[in-house]
Protein backbone atom coordinates (compact mmCIF):
# COMPACT_ATOMS: atom_id res chain seq x y z
CA UNK A 1 -31.80 -88.55 -73.36
CA UNK A 2 -28.25 -88.89 -74.51
CA UNK A 3 -26.87 -86.31 -76.87
CA UNK A 4 -23.50 -85.19 -78.18
CA UNK A 5 -22.43 -81.56 -78.32
CA UNK A 6 -19.19 -79.90 -79.28
CA UNK A 7 -17.81 -77.22 -76.98
CA UNK A 8 -14.48 -75.40 -77.07
CA UNK A 9 -11.63 -77.27 -75.34
CA UNK A 10 -10.96 -74.47 -72.85
CA UNK A 11 -14.62 -74.43 -71.80
CA UNK A 12 -14.62 -78.21 -71.32
CA UNK A 13 -11.49 -78.03 -69.18
CA UNK A 14 -12.91 -75.18 -67.07
CA UNK A 15 -16.21 -77.05 -66.63
CA UNK A 16 -14.45 -80.25 -65.56
CA UNK A 17 -12.35 -78.31 -63.05
CA UNK A 18 -15.43 -76.57 -61.65
CA UNK A 19 -17.33 -79.86 -61.38
CA UNK A 20 -14.37 -81.35 -59.50
CA UNK A 21 -14.23 -78.35 -57.15
CA UNK A 22 -17.95 -78.76 -56.43
CA UNK A 23 -17.55 -82.55 -56.21
CA UNK A 24 -20.37 -83.13 -58.68
CA UNK A 25 -20.39 -84.98 -62.00
CA UNK A 26 -19.89 -82.85 -65.09
CA UNK A 27 -23.32 -84.04 -66.27
CA UNK A 28 -24.96 -82.47 -63.21
CA UNK A 29 -23.10 -79.19 -63.68
CA UNK A 30 -24.24 -78.98 -67.32
CA UNK A 31 -27.86 -79.82 -66.44
CA UNK A 32 -27.96 -77.23 -63.65
CA UNK A 33 -26.40 -74.63 -65.92
CA UNK A 34 -28.94 -75.26 -68.69
CA UNK A 35 -31.85 -75.16 -66.25
CA UNK A 36 -30.59 -71.92 -64.74
CA UNK A 37 -30.10 -70.25 -68.12
CA UNK A 38 -33.48 -71.37 -69.42
CA UNK A 39 -35.19 -70.08 -66.26
CA UNK A 40 -33.48 -66.68 -66.70
CA UNK A 41 -34.64 -66.43 -70.31
CA UNK A 42 -38.23 -67.33 -69.39
CA UNK A 43 -38.37 -64.59 -66.75
CA UNK A 44 -36.79 -61.97 -68.98
CA UNK A 45 -39.34 -62.42 -71.77
CA UNK A 46 -42.28 -61.26 -69.71
CA UNK A 47 -40.49 -58.35 -68.06
CA UNK A 48 -39.28 -56.41 -71.07
CA UNK A 49 -40.65 -52.91 -71.04
CA UNK A 50 -40.30 -50.34 -73.77
CA UNK A 51 -39.58 -46.94 -72.35
CA UNK A 52 -40.88 -44.25 -74.65
CA UNK A 53 -38.99 -40.99 -74.70
CA UNK A 54 -40.99 -38.01 -75.87
CA UNK A 55 -39.99 -34.49 -76.71
CA UNK A 56 -41.89 -31.39 -77.68
CA UNK A 57 -42.52 -30.90 -81.36
CA UNK A 58 -43.88 -33.05 -84.16
CA UNK A 59 -42.63 -35.44 -86.80
CA UNK A 60 -41.07 -33.91 -89.85
CA UNK A 61 -43.66 -33.66 -92.62
CA UNK A 62 -41.37 -35.42 -95.10
CA UNK A 63 -40.69 -38.41 -92.81
CA UNK A 64 -42.58 -41.58 -93.82
CA UNK A 65 -42.79 -43.93 -90.81
CA UNK A 66 -44.43 -46.68 -92.87
CA UNK A 67 -41.35 -47.20 -95.05
CA UNK A 68 -38.15 -48.31 -93.28
CA UNK A 69 -35.94 -47.59 -96.30
CA UNK A 70 -37.37 -44.09 -96.59
CA UNK A 71 -36.71 -43.49 -92.88
CA UNK A 72 -33.06 -44.52 -93.32
CA UNK A 73 -32.68 -42.22 -96.32
CA UNK A 74 -34.31 -39.37 -94.38
CA UNK A 75 -31.97 -39.90 -91.43
CA UNK A 76 -28.91 -40.04 -93.70
CA UNK A 77 -29.96 -36.80 -95.40
CA UNK A 78 -30.55 -35.09 -92.04
CA UNK A 79 -27.11 -36.12 -90.78
CA UNK A 80 -25.36 -34.99 -93.92
CA UNK A 81 -26.83 -31.48 -93.79
CA UNK A 82 -24.64 -28.85 -92.07
């Protein structure tokens, strides 16, 4: 498929220089770069792990975890207290 994209001039110049150094067409360099990037993204999606950090104690009784706005207000109040 043919397509047209706009890229910054300095990136185009650097890509053309790199393609010349590798003695490959710019088209091939772009295709390989896209394939490589897409493969990285596919692998990263399945490997994300959330690391839970726990500490002794309990949640504050006045902290409502079901309301994001209330959590932000609670945090702001906690930070503003001496």
